[in-house]
Amino acid sequence: MSLKKPDIPCKSCPLYGNGLGFVPASGKATSGCLVILEAAGKDEAAEGVPTVGKVGHQLWQQLKRVDIERDQFMIHNVLSCQPGPQN
């Protein structure tokens, strides 16, 4: 499920028309921490959720080994959309 990009302020962004999905921040932030990632990937753009692809899965698997759970954090990307193939 790809989420529709908001019109404001996204229309001024060069990624607005790429049709590759919008990924808003997610998580409960019970730890008071924000995890900031680079940009949404293919899987993230398709689902509208950060860190759900192969690399994100591996990240949370490794952090779980030291008792760090995904639900403890607010997760957001510097770019809320997946960059195009030329980026």
N, C-alpha and C. Protein backbone atom coordinates (compact mmCIF):
# COMPACT_ATOMS: atom_id res chain seq x y z
N MET A 1 0.84 -1.17 0.00
CA MET A 1 0.00 0.00 0.00
C MET A 1 0.89 1.23 0.00
N SER A 2 0.94 1.95 -1.06
CA SER A 2 1.73 3.17 -1.16
C SER A 2 0.85 4.35 -0.73
N LEU A 3 1.37 5.16 0.17
CA LEU A 3 0.61 6.32 0.64
C LEU A 3 0.74 7.47 -0.33
N LYS A 4 -0.32 8.25 -0.46
CA LYS A 4 -0.29 9.44 -1.30
C LYS A 4 0.58 10.50 -0.63
N LYS A 5 1.41 11.13 -1.42
CA LYS A 5 2.26 12.20 -0.90
C LYS A 5 1.40 13.41 -0.59
N PRO A 6 1.67 14.08 0.52
CA PRO A 6 0.90 15.29 0.82
C PRO A 6 1.22 16.39 -0.18
N ASP A 7 0.24 17.21 -0.52
CA ASP A 7 0.45 18.29 -1.48
C ASP A 7 1.35 19.38 -0.92
N ILE A 8 1.21 19.67 0.35
CA ILE A 8 2.00 20.74 0.97
C ILE A 8 2.84 20.11 2.06
N PRO A 9 4.12 20.25 2.12
CA PRO A 9 4.99 21.05 1.27
C PRO A 9 5.64 20.25 0.14
N CYS A 10 5.17 19.04 -0.11
CA CYS A 10 5.85 18.13 -1.04
C CYS A 10 5.89 18.58 -2.49
N LYS A 11 4.94 19.37 -2.95
CA LYS A 11 4.92 19.74 -4.37
C LYS A 11 6.17 20.48 -4.82
N SER A 12 6.86 21.14 -3.90
CA SER A 12 8.07 21.86 -4.29
C SER A 12 9.30 20.95 -4.32
N CYS A 13 9.16 19.70 -3.88
CA CYS A 13 10.29 18.76 -3.84
C CYS A 13 10.48 18.10 -5.20
N PRO A 14 11.73 17.93 -5.64
CA PRO A 14 11.97 17.26 -6.92
C PRO A 14 11.52 15.79 -6.95
N LEU A 15 11.35 15.18 -5.79
CA LEU A 15 10.90 13.78 -5.74
C LEU A 15 9.38 13.65 -5.81
N TYR A 16 8.65 14.75 -5.77
CA TYR A 16 7.19 14.69 -5.67
C TYR A 16 6.54 13.88 -6.79
N GLY A 17 6.98 14.05 -8.00
CA GLY A 17 6.34 13.39 -9.13
C GLY A 17 6.89 12.02 -9.47
N ASN A 18 7.77 11.45 -8.65
CA ASN A 18 8.40 10.19 -9.04
C ASN A 18 7.50 8.97 -8.86
N GLY A 19 6.40 9.11 -8.13
CA GLY A 19 5.46 8.00 -7.98
C GLY A 19 5.99 6.82 -7.20
N LEU A 20 7.05 7.01 -6.43
CA LEU A 20 7.68 5.89 -5.75
C LEU A 20 7.28 5.75 -4.28
N GLY A 21 6.25 6.45 -3.84
CA GLY A 21 5.75 6.26 -2.48
C GLY A 21 6.22 7.30 -1.49
N PHE A 22 5.46 7.42 -0.43
CA PHE A 22 5.73 8.36 0.66
C PHE A 22 5.80 7.58 1.95
N VAL A 23 6.83 7.84 2.76
CA VAL A 23 7.04 7.08 3.99
C VAL A 23 7.09 8.06 5.17
N PRO A 24 5.99 8.19 5.91
CA PRO A 24 6.00 9.07 7.07
C PRO A 24 6.74 8.43 8.24
N ALA A 25 7.03 9.22 9.26
CA ALA A 25 7.66 8.68 10.46
C ALA A 25 6.73 7.66 11.10
N SER A 26 7.32 6.69 11.82
CA SER A 26 6.50 5.71 12.53
C SER A 26 7.17 5.34 13.84
N GLY A 27 6.40 4.80 14.75
CA GLY A 27 6.93 4.33 16.02
C GLY A 27 6.33 5.06 17.20
N LYS A 28 6.58 4.50 18.38
CA LYS A 28 6.00 5.02 19.60
C LYS A 28 6.94 5.94 20.37
N ALA A 29 8.23 5.83 20.16
CA ALA A 29 9.24 6.66 20.81
C ALA A 29 9.18 6.58 22.33
N THR A 30 8.90 5.39 22.87
CA THR A 30 8.84 5.25 24.33
C THR A 30 10.20 5.47 24.98
N SER A 31 11.27 5.33 24.20
CA SER A 31 12.61 5.55 24.73
C SER A 31 12.98 7.03 24.70
N GLY A 32 12.19 7.83 24.00
CA GLY A 32 12.51 9.24 23.84
C GLY A 32 13.54 9.49 22.75
N CYS A 33 13.81 8.48 21.92
CA CYS A 33 14.82 8.59 20.87
C CYS A 33 14.19 8.55 19.48
N LEU A 34 14.82 9.27 18.56
CA LEU A 34 14.43 9.27 17.17
C LEU A 34 15.56 8.64 16.37
N VAL A 35 15.25 7.63 15.57
CA VAL A 35 16.22 7.01 14.66
C VAL A 35 16.03 7.69 13.31
N ILE A 36 17.10 8.30 12.79
CA ILE A 36 17.03 9.01 11.52
C ILE A 36 17.81 8.22 10.49
N LEU A 37 17.14 7.89 9.40
CA LEU A 37 17.74 7.10 8.33
C LEU A 37 17.88 7.96 7.08
N GLU A 38 18.58 7.45 6.09
CA GLU A 38 18.88 8.23 4.90
C GLU A 38 17.66 8.46 4.01
N ALA A 39 17.09 7.42 3.44
CA ALA A 39 15.96 7.56 2.52
C ALA A 39 15.18 6.27 2.46
N ALA A 40 13.96 6.37 2.03
CA ALA A 40 13.11 5.19 1.87
C ALA A 40 13.62 4.33 0.71
N GLY A 41 13.59 3.03 0.91
CA GLY A 41 13.94 2.09 -0.16
C GLY A 41 12.69 1.60 -0.86
N LYS A 42 12.85 0.63 -1.74
CA LYS A 42 11.73 0.09 -2.52
C LYS A 42 10.64 -0.49 -1.63
N ASP A 43 11.03 -1.32 -0.67
CA ASP A 43 10.05 -1.95 0.22
C ASP A 43 9.36 -0.92 1.11
N GLU A 44 10.12 0.04 1.61
CA GLU A 44 9.56 1.07 2.46
C GLU A 44 8.55 1.93 1.69
N ALA A 45 8.89 2.30 0.46
CA ALA A 45 7.98 3.10 -0.36
C ALA A 45 6.70 2.32 -0.68
N ALA A 46 6.83 1.02 -0.90
CA ALA A 46 5.65 0.20 -1.21
C ALA A 46 4.72 0.06 -0.02
N GLU A 47 5.29 -0.06 1.20
CA GLU A 47 4.48 -0.27 2.39
C GLU A 47 4.16 1.00 3.16
N GLY A 48 4.92 2.07 2.90
CA GLY A 48 4.70 3.32 3.62
C GLY A 48 5.18 3.29 5.06
N VAL A 49 6.16 2.41 5.35
CA VAL A 49 6.70 2.26 6.71
C VAL A 49 8.22 2.18 6.61
N PRO A 50 8.97 2.94 7.45
CA PRO A 50 10.43 2.87 7.39
C PRO A 50 10.99 1.55 7.92
N THR A 51 12.12 1.17 7.42
CA THR A 51 12.92 0.00 7.81
C THR A 51 12.16 -1.33 7.78
N VAL A 52 11.41 -1.58 6.71
CA VAL A 52 10.72 -2.87 6.58
C VAL A 52 11.35 -3.75 5.52
N GLY A 53 12.35 -3.25 4.83
CA GLY A 53 13.03 -4.04 3.81
C GLY A 53 14.08 -4.96 4.40
N LYS A 54 14.87 -5.57 3.55
CA LYS A 54 15.89 -6.54 3.95
C LYS A 54 16.90 -5.93 4.93
N VAL A 55 17.42 -4.76 4.60
CA VAL A 55 18.42 -4.12 5.46
C VAL A 55 17.81 -3.69 6.79
N GLY A 56 16.60 -3.13 6.76
CA GLY A 56 15.92 -2.75 7.99
C GLY A 56 15.66 -3.95 8.89
N HIS A 57 15.26 -5.05 8.27
CA HIS A 57 15.02 -6.28 9.04
C HIS A 57 16.31 -6.73 9.73
N GLN A 58 17.41 -6.69 8.99
CA GLN A 58 18.70 -7.09 9.55
C GLN A 58 19.11 -6.15 10.68
N LEU A 59 18.89 -4.84 10.51
CA LEU A 59 19.21 -3.87 11.55
C LEU A 59 18.49 -4.20 12.85
N TRP A 60 17.17 -4.41 12.77
CA TRP A 60 16.39 -4.66 13.99
C TRP A 60 16.68 -6.04 14.58
N GLN A 61 17.05 -7.01 13.76
CA GLN A 61 17.46 -8.33 14.27
C GLN A 61 18.72 -8.19 15.13
N GLN A 62 19.68 -7.42 14.63
CA GLN A 62 20.93 -7.24 15.37
C GLN A 62 20.72 -6.44 16.65
N LEU A 63 19.90 -5.40 16.59
CA LEU A 63 19.63 -4.60 17.78
C LEU A 63 18.84 -5.39 18.82
N LYS A 64 18.00 -6.29 18.36
CA LYS A 64 17.23 -7.13 19.28
C LYS A 64 18.15 -8.01 20.13
N ARG A 65 19.29 -8.37 19.59
CA ARG A 65 20.26 -9.20 20.32
C ARG A 65 20.75 -8.50 21.59
N VAL A 66 20.68 -7.16 21.61
CA VAL A 66 21.09 -6.40 22.80
C VAL A 66 19.88 -5.72 23.45
N ASP A 67 18.71 -6.35 23.28
CA ASP A 67 17.46 -5.91 23.91
C ASP A 67 16.98 -4.53 23.46
N ILE A 68 17.25 -4.17 22.22
CA ILE A 68 16.71 -2.93 21.67
C ILE A 68 15.62 -3.31 20.68
N GLU A 69 14.40 -2.85 20.95
CA GLU A 69 13.24 -3.19 20.13
C GLU A 69 12.81 -2.00 19.27
N ARG A 70 12.31 -2.29 18.10
CA ARG A 70 11.84 -1.27 17.17
C ARG A 70 10.79 -0.35 17.79
N ASP A 71 9.88 -0.92 18.57
CA ASP A 71 8.78 -0.13 19.14
C ASP A 71 9.24 0.94 20.12
N GLN A 72 10.48 0.89 20.57
CA GLN A 72 10.99 1.88 21.51
C GLN A 72 11.31 3.21 20.84
N PHE A 73 11.33 3.26 19.52
CA PHE A 73 11.84 4.42 18.80
C PHE A 73 10.81 5.02 17.85
N MET A 74 10.98 6.30 17.58
CA MET A 74 10.32 6.95 16.45
C MET A 74 11.35 6.83 15.32
N ILE A 75 10.91 6.38 14.16
CA ILE A 75 11.81 6.15 13.03
C ILE A 75 11.38 7.05 11.88
N HIS A 76 12.35 7.77 11.31
CA HIS A 76 12.04 8.68 10.21
C HIS A 76 13.23 8.73 9.25
N ASN A 77 12.95 9.03 8.00
CA ASN A 77 13.98 9.17 6.98
C ASN A 77 14.25 10.64 6.71
N VAL A 78 15.49 10.97 6.38
CA VAL A 78 15.81 12.33 5.96
C VAL A 78 14.98 12.67 4.73
N LEU A 79 14.86 11.70 3.80
CA LEU A 79 13.98 11.84 2.64
C LEU A 79 12.77 10.93 2.87
N SER A 80 11.58 11.49 2.87
CA SER A 80 10.38 10.70 3.12
C SER A 80 9.92 9.92 1.89
N CYS A 81 10.58 10.11 0.77
CA CYS A 81 10.23 9.39 -0.46
C CYS A 81 11.46 8.65 -0.97
N GLN A 82 11.18 7.60 -1.74
CA GLN A 82 12.27 6.85 -2.34
C GLN A 82 12.86 7.67 -3.47
N PRO A 83 14.18 7.90 -3.46
CA PRO A 83 14.79 8.61 -4.59
C PRO A 83 14.65 7.81 -5.88
N GLY A 84 14.62 8.50 -6.99
CA GLY A 84 14.49 7.83 -8.28
C GLY A 84 15.75 7.07 -8.65
N PRO A 85 15.68 6.27 -9.71
CA PRO A 85 16.82 5.43 -10.10
C PRO A 85 18.05 6.23 -10.52
N GLN A 86 17.89 7.49 -10.92
CA GLN A 86 19.05 8.29 -11.32
C GLN A 86 19.74 8.96 -10.13
N ASN A 87 19.17 8.81 -8.93
CA ASN A 87 19.76 9.50 -7.77
C ASN A 87 20.90 8.67 -7.22
